[in-house]
Amino acid sequence: MRQPSVISRRVAAATVTLVLAAGAAACGPEDSKGGDSGSRAEGKPQKGGTLTVLNRNPQQDFDPARLYTSGGGNVPSLVFRTLTTRNREDGAEGAQVVPDLATDLGTPNKDATVWTYTLKEGLKYEDGTAITSADIKYGIERSFAPELSGGAPYLRDWLIGGADYQGPYKEKKGLDSIEVPDDRTIVFRLNKPEGEFPYLATQTQTTPVPKAKDTGTKYEEHPVASGPYKVVTNENDGERLVLERNPHWSAKTDEERKAYPDRIDVRSGLDSAVINQRLSASQGADSAAVTTDTNLGPAELAKVGSDKKLAARVGTGHFGYTNYIAFNPKVKPFDDPKVRQAISYAVDRTSVINAAGGSSLAEPATTFLPERDFFGHTPYDHFPAGKTGNPEKAKELLKEAGHGKGLTVTLTHSNAKDFQTSPEIATAIQAALKKAGITVKLQGLEDNDYSDTTHDAKRTPGFFLSRWGADWPSGGPFLAPIFDGRQIVKDGSNYNAAFLNDPEVNKEIDEINKLTDLKAAATRWGALDSTIGEKALTVPLFHPVYKRLYGESVKNVVISDWTGVLDVSQVAVK
């Protein structure tokens, strides 16, 4: 039952890596709070025109059963509406969950094992037919079909009977744990308390799908739109995606999506340098262009910094992500907490940040949870290394651990040049630990081999570079997959590299999951983060900062801390 949750993290990690490797943003050039979105280009936003999206990665598997809401840089949310959605505001305000198809965030029963939603009136598909609660039930059920794998499998994990359900193509009946007493009401029955169900309801699996229009694996070619745009072209599995207005979408039922452009042309398969060059030049159609997956690198940032007009077209911000050193205590000498603590003290975060592209692209981290209140961030630094490391304290601990003459270890990392788990960061750690008497041998793996090795419980290295991002803005999807002992997967993708199975930690996770007061839950997640941090099972290194260009004719730039991606539902180009 636990494996689906962990698998979902792998999909999420893959999805977020598109954001991470390319960066993300949440506001103006140096304004981490978001803000002056209407003034990004002269004039007020108006309807009309064509927005061009220039991306590296195609909008593959454009089917609500197979996508994350955050996948593809918000483009799916133009076509697919869900029970709830993210608040379309800059910065931290954008990390709030708000109603979408539903009238509110849902009504839980006393222990948060039953959630009831009521749909708004007047909801319609692109063909003018009414959206019903039965369509949402069917849309969720088809996401369980093996043929449509790839989406977030939380519902498989949370819904009663979900673990064994194979979807409507193989099963004669639907899931009894999803009830639709009438056309506007849908009820979910869960096998455990889940106070964060409103967050889960933002996932594209809650998109309505009319059963009569379901074409199985071909549905991605022309999914039936519930959002402000419909698909008119889908070439080469999302390499080019053209969207035009859905005439039956009504802004009266949708307070979040502005839908200014008449047309959205998504072009993928482009080189990062080409994308940034085109956005920088901002000629012709590119003046009304954005990217949802390509970041500026250090060299490009240096060029931008010398051009005030160009710098004014850079969005800066944060997506919830942490880069860290992971330990596997089953591998010696990392079974000794003093060795892990020594490495924590020895790390030079300044050199690591320089290796990650500099302070414009990375912020030092001493906590696992990113520095945002909605995650429950609680400041702590249990093994203070300062800005450049504390090798003397590290030597002291190594001597106590019986390694007074030094220690030799192997650090596993990816060979990918993405400034996240790269050879440059590994080399910076190698140099810092040498000052503490620790000789570090580097083991660089190609990206697929790196992922397979670090996530295989039988092959997990003792000491490796890792990173983690949450599927929604809460401490839960940050801490549970990495530290909940019940999510250890022996045969499959395992993310609890420390193999921590502490009954007290597991119990606290369960207790927090019962809370429907999200602010109270955040406080508890922060406290749990600090408690786990004392065990020295990871060494937080940095939280990425993201920088992206957009065309000079683009107006109304909104980039929230939920996705860290420029929100194409808010952009105007005329």
Protein backbone atom coordinates (compact mmCIF):
# COMPACT_ATOMS: atom_id res chain seq x y z
CA MET A 1 0.00 0.00 0.00
CA ARG A 2 2.89 2.33 0.66
CA GLN A 3 4.58 1.84 -2.68
CA PRO A 4 2.16 4.02 -4.69
CA SER A 5 2.98 7.00 -2.49
CA VAL A 6 6.66 6.52 -3.05
CA ILE A 7 6.24 5.96 -6.76
CA SER A 8 4.33 9.20 -6.90
CA ARG A 9 7.40 10.95 -5.55
CA ARG A 10 9.48 9.60 -8.36
CA VAL A 11 7.02 10.98 -10.87
CA ALA A 12 6.91 14.22 -8.92
CA ALA A 13 10.69 14.39 -8.83
CA ALA A 14 10.79 13.90 -12.58
CA THR A 15 8.16 16.57 -13.04
CA VAL A 16 9.78 19.01 -10.69
CA THR A 17 13.20 18.41 -12.20
CA LEU A 18 11.88 20.12 -15.32
CA VAL A 19 11.23 23.10 -13.12
CA LEU A 20 14.39 22.66 -11.14
CA ALA A 21 16.96 22.10 -13.83
CA ALA A 22 15.57 25.06 -15.70
CA GLY A 23 14.60 27.11 -12.69
CA ALA A 24 11.41 28.77 -11.68
CA ALA A 25 10.31 32.14 -10.49
CA ALA A 26 7.97 33.96 -8.20
CA CYS A 27 8.26 37.65 -8.80
CA GLY A 28 10.33 40.57 -10.07
CA PRO A 29 14.10 40.64 -10.40
CA GLU A 30 14.98 40.84 -6.70
CA ASP A 31 11.57 40.87 -5.05
CA SER A 32 10.99 37.56 -3.32
CA LYS A 33 7.48 38.53 -2.28
CA GLY A 34 6.13 38.79 -5.78
CA GLY A 35 4.14 41.69 -6.76
CA ASP A 36 4.07 44.34 -9.40
CA SER A 37 2.67 42.00 -12.02
CA GLY A 38 0.66 44.54 -13.97
CA SER A 39 3.65 46.79 -14.58
CA ARG A 40 5.88 44.22 -16.26
CA ALA A 41 5.14 45.85 -19.62
CA GLU A 42 3.54 49.16 -20.44
CA GLY A 43 -0.24 49.25 -20.59
CA LYS A 44 -2.96 47.28 -18.90
CA PRO A 45 -3.51 43.63 -19.83
CA GLN A 46 -6.08 43.14 -22.58
CA LYS A 47 -7.68 40.15 -24.23
CA GLY A 48 -6.40 38.97 -27.58
CA GLY A 49 -3.23 37.96 -29.35
CA THR A 50 -1.12 34.81 -29.30
CA LEU A 51 1.08 33.73 -26.40
CA THR A 52 4.06 31.62 -27.45
CA VAL A 53 5.62 29.18 -24.99
CA LEU A 54 9.22 28.15 -25.77
CA ASN A 55 10.24 24.99 -23.93
CA ARG A 56 12.83 22.24 -23.90
CA ASN A 57 10.49 19.47 -22.83
CA PRO A 58 7.30 18.51 -24.71
CA GLN A 59 3.84 18.38 -23.15
CA GLN A 60 3.81 14.58 -23.27
CA ASP A 61 0.85 12.43 -22.24
CA PHE A 62 -1.58 15.35 -22.31
CA ASP A 63 -4.27 13.40 -20.49
CA PRO A 64 -5.54 14.39 -17.00
CA ALA A 65 -5.10 10.81 -15.83
CA ARG A 66 -1.39 10.96 -16.59
CA LEU A 67 -0.38 14.46 -15.49
CA TYR A 68 0.40 16.34 -12.30
CA THR A 69 -1.30 19.72 -11.99
CA SER A 70 2.12 21.33 -11.76
CA GLY A 71 3.42 19.30 -14.69
CA GLY A 72 4.25 21.12 -17.88
CA GLY A 73 4.52 24.54 -16.29
CA ASN A 74 0.79 25.15 -15.79
CA VAL A 75 -0.16 24.59 -19.43
CA PRO A 76 -2.45 21.64 -18.50
CA SER A 77 -4.44 23.88 -16.14
CA LEU A 78 -5.55 25.93 -19.16
CA VAL A 79 -7.47 22.93 -20.48
CA PHE A 80 -8.22 20.93 -17.33
CA ARG A 81 -10.11 22.25 -14.32
CA THR A 82 -10.06 20.38 -11.02
CA LEU A 83 -12.07 20.32 -7.80
CA THR A 84 -9.64 22.77 -6.19
CA THR A 85 -6.68 24.70 -7.53
CA ARG A 86 -3.85 26.96 -6.45
CA ASN A 87 -4.44 30.63 -5.75
CA ARG A 88 -3.15 32.51 -8.81
CA GLU A 89 -1.13 35.15 -6.97
CA ASP A 90 2.54 36.05 -6.73
CA GLY A 91 4.81 34.56 -4.10
CA ALA A 92 3.57 33.04 -0.86
CA GLU A 93 -0.07 34.02 -1.43
CA GLY A 94 -0.01 31.76 -4.46
CA ALA A 95 0.66 28.77 -2.21
CA GLN A 96 -2.92 28.79 -0.92
CA VAL A 97 -5.43 26.21 -2.11
CA VAL A 98 -8.74 27.62 -3.40
CA PRO A 99 -11.94 26.21 -4.97
CA ASP A 100 -12.07 25.56 -8.71
CA LEU A 101 -14.93 23.37 -9.95
CA ALA A 102 -16.09 22.99 -6.36
CA THR A 103 -17.86 25.67 -4.34
CA ASP A 104 -15.36 25.35 -1.47
CA LEU A 105 -12.39 23.35 -0.23
CA GLY A 106 -14.59 20.42 0.77
CA THR A 107 -16.34 19.36 3.95
CA PRO A 108 -14.62 16.67 6.05
CA ASN A 109 -16.22 14.42 8.60
CA LYS A 110 -14.93 14.49 12.17
CA ASP A 111 -11.78 12.43 11.54
CA ALA A 112 -11.09 13.62 7.96
CA THR A 113 -11.73 10.19 6.44
CA VAL A 114 -14.75 11.38 4.41
CA TRP A 115 -14.66 14.50 2.19
CA THR A 116 -17.70 15.94 0.42
CA TYR A 117 -17.64 18.43 -2.46
CA THR A 118 -20.39 20.36 -4.22
CA LEU A 119 -19.87 21.55 -7.79
CA LYS A 120 -20.60 25.09 -8.93
CA GLU A 121 -23.61 25.67 -11.13
CA GLY A 122 -23.26 26.32 -14.85
CA LEU A 123 -20.08 24.31 -15.50
CA LYS A 124 -19.72 23.21 -19.13
CA TYR A 125 -17.34 21.37 -21.45
CA GLU A 126 -16.06 22.75 -24.74
CA ASP A 127 -19.06 21.20 -26.55
CA GLY A 128 -21.55 22.93 -24.25
CA THR A 129 -22.64 19.84 -22.31
CA ALA A 130 -22.85 20.05 -18.52
CA ILE A 131 -20.06 18.88 -16.24
CA THR A 132 -21.34 16.49 -13.57
CA SER A 133 -19.96 14.87 -10.46
CA ALA A 134 -20.21 11.49 -12.24
CA ASP A 135 -17.70 12.81 -14.79
CA ILE A 136 -15.23 13.59 -12.01
CA LYS A 137 -15.73 10.13 -10.54
CA TYR A 138 -15.11 8.57 -13.94
CA GLY A 139 -12.07 10.77 -14.57
CA ILE A 140 -10.53 9.57 -11.31
CA GLU A 141 -11.39 5.93 -11.97
CA ARG A 142 -9.77 5.91 -15.41
CA SER A 143 -6.56 7.26 -13.84
CA PHE A 144 -6.26 3.85 -12.13
CA ALA A 145 -6.01 2.08 -15.50
CA PRO A 146 -2.55 0.61 -16.14
CA GLU A 147 -2.75 1.96 -19.69
CA LEU A 148 -2.88 5.50 -18.29
CA SER A 149 -0.07 5.34 -15.75
CA GLY A 150 2.07 8.33 -14.86
CA GLY A 151 -0.19 10.57 -12.81
CA ALA A 152 -0.11 11.12 -9.07
CA PRO A 153 -1.25 7.90 -7.36
CA TYR A 154 -2.25 9.40 -3.99
CA LEU A 155 -5.88 8.51 -4.61
CA ARG A 156 -4.87 4.88 -5.12
CA ASP A 157 -3.17 5.02 -1.75
CA TRP A 158 -5.88 7.00 0.07
CA LEU A 159 -9.21 5.75 -1.29
CA ILE A 160 -10.80 2.65 0.23
CA GLY A 161 -10.36 -0.14 -2.31
CA GLY A 162 -8.01 1.95 -4.42
CA ALA A 163 -4.94 -0.26 -4.01
CA ASP A 164 -6.45 -3.12 -6.03
CA TYR A 165 -8.65 -1.22 -8.46
CA GLN A 166 -7.63 -1.51 -12.14
CA GLY A 167 -9.80 1.17 -13.71
CA PRO A 168 -13.03 1.13 -15.76
CA TYR A 169 -11.54 -0.62 -18.80
CA LYS A 170 -11.00 -3.83 -16.81
CA GLU A 171 -13.43 -3.53 -13.88
CA LYS A 172 -17.18 -3.94 -14.34
CA LYS A 173 -17.98 -1.44 -11.61
CA GLY A 174 -16.45 1.76 -10.30
CA LEU A 175 -14.93 2.54 -6.94
CA ASP A 176 -17.49 2.32 -4.13
CA SER A 177 -15.39 4.79 -2.15
CA ILE A 178 -16.38 7.58 -4.58
CA GLU A 179 -20.07 8.35 -4.33
CA VAL A 180 -22.15 10.70 -6.50
CA PRO A 181 -25.57 11.08 -4.86
CA ASP A 182 -26.53 13.73 -7.44
CA ASP A 183 -25.07 15.64 -10.40
CA ARG A 184 -23.37 18.24 -8.22
CA THR A 185 -22.18 16.21 -5.22
CA ILE A 186 -19.19 13.90 -4.89
CA VAL A 187 -18.08 12.08 -1.74
CA PHE A 188 -14.68 10.48 -1.09
CA ARG A 189 -14.21 7.76 1.54
CA LEU A 190 -10.60 7.36 2.67
CA ASN A 191 -8.85 4.53 4.47
CA LYS A 192 -7.05 6.92 6.83
CA PRO A 193 -7.37 10.55 7.98
CA GLU A 194 -6.08 13.05 5.43
CA GLY A 195 -6.48 16.65 6.48
CA GLU A 196 -4.67 17.83 3.34
CA PHE A 197 -7.21 16.36 0.93
CA PRO A 198 -7.99 19.86 -0.47
CA TYR A 199 -4.41 19.93 -1.76
CA LEU A 200 -4.80 16.53 -3.36
CA ALA A 201 -7.99 17.74 -5.05
CA THR A 202 -5.81 20.07 -7.15
CA GLN A 203 -4.25 17.08 -8.94
CA THR A 204 -5.40 16.63 -12.54
CA GLN A 205 -6.95 13.28 -11.67
CA THR A 206 -9.98 15.23 -10.39
CA THR A 207 -10.56 16.67 -13.88
CA PRO A 208 -14.00 15.68 -15.23
CA VAL A 209 -13.95 13.30 -18.20
CA PRO A 210 -17.21 12.48 -20.04
CA LYS A 211 -17.34 8.69 -20.37
CA ALA A 212 -18.90 8.87 -23.83
CA LYS A 213 -15.92 10.88 -25.11
CA ASP A 214 -13.21 8.73 -23.54
CA THR A 215 -10.91 7.27 -26.22
CA GLY A 216 -8.49 5.59 -23.83
CA THR A 217 -4.82 6.09 -24.68
CA LYS A 218 -5.82 8.35 -27.60
CA TYR A 219 -7.70 10.77 -25.34
CA GLU A 220 -4.56 12.91 -25.03
CA GLU A 221 -4.87 13.83 -28.72
CA HIS A 222 -8.10 15.72 -28.05
CA PRO A 223 -9.12 15.76 -24.39
CA VAL A 224 -12.46 17.44 -23.75
CA ALA A 225 -11.73 20.84 -22.23
CA SER A 226 -13.27 22.07 -18.99
CA GLY A 227 -10.89 25.04 -18.78
CA PRO A 228 -10.72 28.26 -20.82
CA TYR A 229 -8.82 26.67 -23.73
CA LYS A 230 -9.28 23.61 -25.92
CA VAL A 231 -6.70 21.59 -27.83
CA VAL A 232 -6.71 22.19 -31.58
CA THR A 233 -3.28 20.73 -32.37
CA ASN A 234 -1.17 18.11 -30.61
CA GLU A 235 1.84 17.12 -32.71
CA ASN A 236 4.42 14.46 -31.85
CA ASP A 237 3.08 13.73 -28.37
CA GLY A 238 3.06 17.32 -27.18
CA GLU A 239 6.10 18.64 -29.06
CA ARG A 240 3.78 21.29 -30.45
CA LEU A 241 0.54 22.05 -28.68
CA VAL A 242 -1.85 24.72 -29.92
CA LEU A 243 -4.72 25.90 -27.74
CA GLU A 244 -7.64 28.15 -28.64
CA ARG A 245 -10.54 29.51 -26.64
CA ASN A 246 -13.19 27.20 -25.24
CA PRO A 247 -16.38 29.12 -26.14
CA HIS A 248 -18.35 27.51 -23.31
CA TRP A 249 -15.94 28.37 -20.51
CA SER A 250 -17.35 31.08 -18.27
CA ALA A 251 -15.24 33.42 -16.16
CA LYS A 252 -18.23 33.62 -13.80
CA THR A 253 -17.44 30.08 -12.64
CA ASP A 254 -13.67 30.53 -12.67
CA GLU A 255 -12.14 33.22 -10.49
CA GLU A 256 -8.55 32.05 -11.00
CA ARG A 257 -7.79 31.89 -14.72
CA LYS A 258 -7.66 35.22 -16.57
CA ALA A 259 -7.33 33.67 -20.05
CA TYR A 260 -6.27 36.84 -21.85
CA PRO A 261 -4.71 35.47 -25.09
CA ASP A 262 -6.92 34.14 -27.89
CA ARG A 263 -4.37 31.51 -28.76
CA ILE A 264 -1.49 29.73 -27.04
CA ASP A 265 1.23 28.10 -29.12
CA VAL A 266 3.50 25.76 -27.14
CA ARG A 267 6.71 24.82 -28.99
CA SER A 268 9.06 22.29 -27.43
CA GLY A 269 12.25 20.40 -28.15
CA LEU A 270 14.34 23.59 -28.18
CA ASP A 271 17.84 24.01 -26.80
CA SER A 272 18.07 26.05 -23.58
CA ALA A 273 20.53 28.51 -25.08
CA VAL A 274 18.26 29.04 -28.08
CA ILE A 275 15.25 29.68 -25.85
CA ASN A 276 17.07 32.27 -23.77
CA GLN A 277 18.55 33.91 -26.84
CA ARG A 278 15.12 34.23 -28.46
CA LEU A 279 13.55 35.60 -25.30
CA SER A 280 16.42 38.03 -24.89
CA ALA A 281 16.12 39.32 -28.48
CA SER A 282 12.32 39.42 -28.15
CA GLN A 283 11.76 39.80 -31.89
CA GLY A 284 8.46 39.22 -33.70
CA ALA A 285 6.33 36.53 -32.06
CA ASP A 286 9.05 36.04 -29.45
CA SER A 287 8.19 39.41 -27.91
CA ALA A 288 5.00 37.71 -26.70
CA ALA A 289 6.78 34.57 -25.52
CA VAL A 290 7.57 32.91 -22.19
CA THR A 291 9.20 29.70 -21.06
CA THR A 292 7.90 27.36 -18.39
CA ASP A 293 10.95 25.11 -18.12
CA THR A 294 14.15 26.99 -18.95
CA ASN A 295 16.26 28.87 -16.44
CA LEU A 296 19.06 31.37 -16.89
CA GLY A 297 22.50 30.02 -16.08
CA PRO A 298 25.37 31.88 -14.38
CA ALA A 299 26.91 33.16 -17.63
CA GLU A 300 23.56 34.35 -18.94
CA LEU A 301 22.81 36.06 -15.63
CA ALA A 302 26.06 37.98 -15.87
CA LYS A 303 25.01 39.30 -19.26
CA VAL A 304 21.52 40.17 -18.01
CA GLY A 305 22.99 42.01 -15.02
CA SER A 306 24.68 44.51 -17.30
CA ASP A 307 21.49 45.31 -19.22
CA LYS A 308 18.79 47.10 -17.19
CA LYS A 309 16.08 46.58 -19.79
CA LEU A 310 16.82 42.87 -19.96
CA ALA A 311 17.03 42.58 -16.18
CA ALA A 312 13.53 44.05 -15.94
CA ARG A 313 12.28 41.01 -17.86
CA VAL A 314 13.64 38.42 -15.44
CA GLY A 315 11.33 36.73 -12.97
CA THR A 316 12.92 35.62 -9.71
CA GLY A 317 11.55 33.36 -7.07
CA HIS A 318 11.36 30.04 -5.34
CA PHE A 319 9.81 26.63 -5.67
CA GLY A 320 9.80 24.34 -2.63
CA TYR A 321 12.97 22.34 -3.12
CA THR A 322 15.95 21.26 -1.02
CA ASN A 323 19.32 19.96 -2.19
CA TYR A 324 21.09 17.85 0.42
CA ILE A 325 23.60 15.15 1.26
CA ALA A 326 21.89 11.84 2.00
CA PHE A 327 23.29 9.15 4.27
CA ASN A 328 22.52 5.44 4.34
CA PRO A 329 23.33 4.40 7.94
CA LYS A 330 23.39 0.75 6.88
CA VAL A 331 26.70 1.46 5.17
CA LYS A 332 29.78 1.95 7.35
CA PRO A 333 31.06 4.37 8.60
CA PHE A 334 27.76 6.26 8.25
CA ASP A 335 26.15 3.99 10.84
CA ASP A 336 27.97 6.15 13.41
CA PRO A 337 26.06 9.40 14.12
CA LYS A 338 29.34 11.15 15.00
CA VAL A 339 30.65 10.56 11.48
CA ARG A 340 27.49 12.03 10.01
CA GLN A 341 27.70 14.97 12.39
CA ALA A 342 31.36 15.53 11.50
CA ILE A 343 30.47 15.80 7.81
CA SER A 344 27.66 18.20 8.72
CA TYR A 345 30.14 20.46 10.50
CA ALA A 346 32.75 20.22 7.75
CA VAL A 347 30.55 21.30 4.83
CA ASP A 348 31.43 24.64 3.27
CA ARG A 349 28.08 25.97 2.04
CA THR A 350 29.64 29.01 0.41
CA SER A 351 31.69 26.84 -1.94
CA VAL A 352 28.68 24.62 -2.58
CA ILE A 353 26.53 27.62 -3.52
CA ASN A 354 29.26 28.92 -5.81
CA ALA A 355 29.31 25.52 -7.49
CA ALA A 356 25.52 25.70 -7.86
CA GLY A 357 25.79 28.93 -9.83
CA GLY A 358 26.26 31.51 -7.09
CA SER A 359 24.03 33.27 -4.61
CA SER A 360 21.66 34.41 -7.38
CA LEU A 361 20.69 30.77 -7.97
CA ALA A 362 20.99 29.19 -4.52
CA GLU A 363 20.37 30.04 -0.86
CA PRO A 364 22.14 28.21 2.01
CA ALA A 365 20.01 25.66 3.85
CA THR A 366 20.37 24.26 7.35
CA THR A 367 16.79 22.92 7.51
CA PHE A 368 15.21 20.23 5.37
CA LEU A 369 12.00 22.22 4.93
CA PRO A 370 12.38 25.27 2.65
CA GLU A 371 12.16 28.70 4.22
CA ARG A 372 8.45 29.29 3.70
CA ASP A 373 5.79 29.47 6.40
CA PHE A 374 3.35 27.23 4.53
CA PHE A 375 5.86 24.37 4.71
CA GLY A 376 6.07 24.95 8.45
CA HIS A 377 9.67 26.10 8.27
CA THR A 378 11.24 26.30 11.74
CA PRO A 379 14.79 27.73 11.84
CA TYR A 380 17.43 25.40 13.24
CA ASP A 381 21.10 24.64 12.73
CA HIS A 382 21.97 21.61 14.84
CA PHE A 383 25.52 21.30 13.50
CA PRO A 384 26.60 24.90 12.80
CA ALA A 385 29.28 25.00 10.16
CA GLY A 386 29.11 28.71 9.51
CA LYS A 387 29.50 29.97 5.97
CA THR A 388 32.70 28.08 5.21
CA GLY A 389 32.61 24.99 7.43
CA ASN A 390 33.98 24.06 10.85
CA PRO A 391 36.74 21.50 10.18
CA GLU A 392 38.10 21.63 13.75
CA LYS A 393 34.77 20.52 15.22
CA ALA A 394 34.56 17.85 12.55
CA LYS A 395 38.03 16.53 13.47
CA GLU A 396 37.02 16.42 17.13
CA LEU A 397 33.98 14.26 16.36
CA LEU A 398 35.96 12.00 14.04
CA LYS A 399 38.49 11.38 16.81
CA GLU A 400 35.67 10.47 19.20
CA ALA A 401 34.39 8.05 16.54
CA GLY A 402 37.80 6.37 16.31
CA HIS A 403 38.97 8.06 13.13
CA GLY A 404 41.61 10.35 14.57
CA LYS A 405 43.98 9.61 11.69
CA GLY A 406 41.40 10.48 9.09
CA LEU A 407 38.74 8.74 7.04
CA THR A 408 38.19 7.81 3.40
CA VAL A 409 34.64 7.74 1.96
CA THR A 410 32.95 7.68 -1.45
CA LEU A 411 30.46 10.35 -2.53
CA THR A 412 28.02 9.37 -5.30
CA HIS A 413 26.65 12.08 -7.56
CA SER A 414 25.11 12.60 -10.98
CA ASN A 415 27.23 13.60 -13.95
CA ALA A 416 24.40 15.79 -15.24
CA LYS A 417 25.39 19.44 -15.63
CA ASP A 418 22.35 20.87 -13.89
CA PHE A 419 23.94 22.69 -10.91
CA GLN A 420 21.97 20.45 -8.53
CA THR A 421 23.76 17.13 -7.95
CA SER A 422 26.57 17.94 -10.37
CA PRO A 423 30.29 17.12 -10.31
CA GLU A 424 31.00 20.74 -9.37
CA ILE A 425 29.02 20.45 -6.14
CA ALA A 426 30.59 17.09 -5.35
CA THR A 427 34.06 18.61 -5.87
CA ALA A 428 33.22 21.50 -3.51
CA ILE A 429 32.21 19.01 -0.81
CA GLN A 430 35.35 16.98 -1.47
CA ALA A 431 37.55 20.04 -0.89
CA ALA A 432 35.74 21.08 2.30
CA LEU A 433 35.91 17.62 3.88
CA LYS A 434 39.61 17.33 3.08
CA LYS A 435 40.23 20.16 5.57
CA ALA A 436 38.65 17.98 8.26
CA GLY A 437 40.82 14.97 7.41
CA ILE A 438 38.18 13.22 5.32
CA THR A 439 39.34 11.97 1.92
CA VAL A 440 36.41 11.86 -0.48
CA LYS A 441 36.47 9.70 -3.59
CA LEU A 442 33.93 10.80 -6.19
CA GLN A 443 31.65 8.35 -7.97
CA GLY A 444 29.90 10.07 -10.85
CA LEU A 445 27.04 8.21 -12.53
CA GLU A 446 25.07 8.98 -15.65
CA ASP A 447 21.65 10.39 -14.77
CA ASN A 448 19.52 7.24 -15.21
CA ASP A 449 22.08 5.06 -13.44
CA TYR A 450 22.35 7.65 -10.66
CA SER A 451 18.58 7.67 -10.14
CA ASP A 452 18.28 3.87 -10.25
CA THR A 453 21.17 3.38 -7.84
CA THR A 454 20.19 5.95 -5.22
CA HIS A 455 16.55 4.82 -5.20
CA ASP A 456 17.24 1.08 -5.02
CA ALA A 457 17.04 -0.12 -1.43
CA LYS A 458 19.52 -2.89 -2.17
CA ARG A 459 22.09 -0.55 -3.75
CA THR A 460 21.61 2.76 -1.93
CA PRO A 461 25.06 4.34 -1.44
CA GLY A 462 26.18 5.36 2.04
CA PHE A 463 26.91 8.94 1.00
CA PHE A 464 25.36 10.71 -1.99
CA LEU A 465 23.93 13.97 -3.29
CA SER A 466 20.16 14.20 -3.48
CA ARG A 467 17.27 16.67 -3.80
CA TRP A 468 13.59 16.79 -2.95
CA GLY A 469 10.54 18.83 -3.87
CA ALA A 470 6.99 18.59 -2.55
CA ASP A 471 3.89 17.87 -4.63
CA TRP A 472 2.02 20.63 -2.80
CA PRO A 473 3.05 23.41 -0.39
CA SER A 474 3.08 21.56 2.91
CA GLY A 475 5.63 19.86 5.12
CA GLY A 476 3.85 16.53 4.66
CA PRO A 477 4.94 15.67 1.12
CA PHE A 478 8.42 16.89 2.07
CA LEU A 479 8.99 14.83 5.20
CA ALA A 480 6.85 11.70 4.86
CA PRO A 481 8.43 10.15 1.74
CA ILE A 482 11.95 10.71 3.10
CA PHE A 483 11.47 9.82 6.77
CA ASP A 484 8.29 7.73 7.20
CA GLY A 485 9.42 4.16 7.84
CA ARG A 486 6.24 2.75 6.33
CA GLN A 487 7.21 4.27 2.99
CA ILE A 488 10.42 2.27 2.75
CA VAL A 489 10.22 0.25 -0.46
CA LYS A 490 12.43 -2.82 -0.65
CA ASP A 491 11.56 -3.70 -4.26
CA GLY A 492 10.95 -0.49 -6.16
CA SER A 493 11.70 3.21 -5.90
CA ASN A 494 12.72 3.99 -2.33
CA TYR A 495 13.27 7.55 -1.13
CA ASN A 496 13.83 6.91 2.58
CA ALA A 497 17.58 6.48 2.00
CA ALA A 498 18.27 6.57 5.76
CA PHE A 499 15.81 3.69 6.24
CA LEU A 500 14.43 5.58 9.22
CA ASN A 501 11.56 3.67 10.81
CA ASP A 502 11.08 5.51 14.09
CA PRO A 503 7.68 4.76 15.71
CA GLU A 504 7.54 8.25 17.21
CA VAL A 505 8.19 9.90 13.86
CA ASN A 506 5.64 7.68 12.13
CA LYS A 507 3.08 8.42 14.84
CA GLU A 508 3.58 12.18 14.58
CA ILE A 509 3.12 12.03 10.80
CA ASP A 510 -0.20 10.26 11.34
CA GLU A 511 -1.29 12.78 13.97
CA ILE A 512 -0.49 15.75 11.73
CA ASN A 513 -2.34 14.14 8.82
CA LYS A 514 -5.51 14.21 10.91
CA LEU A 515 -5.45 18.02 11.13
CA THR A 516 -7.70 19.97 8.78
CA ASP A 517 -6.32 23.25 10.12
CA LEU A 518 -3.48 23.67 7.63
CA LYS A 519 -1.71 26.39 9.65
CA ALA A 520 -1.69 24.21 12.77
CA ALA A 521 -0.40 21.33 10.67
CA ALA A 522 2.40 23.51 9.29
CA THR A 523 3.61 24.30 12.83
CA ARG A 524 3.74 20.60 13.63
CA TRP A 525 5.62 19.78 10.41
CA GLY A 526 8.24 22.38 11.31
CA ALA A 527 8.73 20.91 14.76
CA LEU A 528 9.04 17.42 13.30
CA ASP A 529 11.63 18.65 10.81
CA SER A 530 13.75 19.96 13.68
CA THR A 531 13.40 16.70 15.61
CA ILE A 532 14.46 14.61 12.62
CA GLY A 533 17.29 17.04 11.88
CA GLU A 534 18.94 16.16 15.18
CA LYS A 535 19.52 12.62 13.87
CA ALA A 536 21.95 13.93 11.20
CA LEU A 537 20.47 11.71 8.50
CA THR A 538 20.87 14.44 5.88
CA VAL A 539 22.95 17.57 5.42
CA PRO A 540 20.77 20.31 3.88
CA LEU A 541 22.90 22.29 1.42
CA PHE A 542 20.79 24.85 -0.40
CA HIS A 543 17.38 25.87 -1.67
CA PRO A 544 17.43 26.79 -5.37
CA VAL A 545 16.54 30.27 -6.60
CA TYR A 546 15.10 30.59 -10.09
CA LYS A 547 15.59 33.16 -12.83
CA ARG A 548 13.64 33.28 -16.11
CA LEU A 549 13.25 35.62 -19.02
CA TYR A 550 10.00 36.58 -20.73
CA GLY A 551 9.25 38.62 -23.85
CA GLU A 552 9.00 42.40 -23.75
CA SER A 553 5.29 42.39 -24.72
CA VAL A 554 4.30 40.04 -21.90
CA LYS A 555 2.12 41.61 -19.22
CA ASN A 556 0.58 40.49 -15.95
CA VAL A 557 3.37 38.17 -14.86
CA VAL A 558 2.32 36.04 -11.89
CA ILE A 559 4.64 33.35 -10.51
CA SER A 560 3.64 31.72 -7.26
CA ASP A 561 5.61 29.81 -4.67
CA TRP A 562 3.37 26.77 -5.28
CA THR A 563 4.69 25.95 -8.74
CA GLY A 564 7.57 28.37 -9.13
CA VAL A 565 6.55 28.68 -12.77
CA LEU A 566 5.23 31.69 -14.65
CA ASP A 567 1.46 31.21 -14.66
CA VAL A 568 0.29 31.17 -18.26
CA SER A 569 -3.32 31.51 -17.12
CA GLN A 570 -2.57 35.08 -16.01
CA VAL A 571 -0.39 36.35 -18.86
CA ALA A 572 -1.56 38.94 -21.37
CA VAL A 573 0.26 39.78 -24.61
CA LYS A 574 -1.77 42.69 -25.94
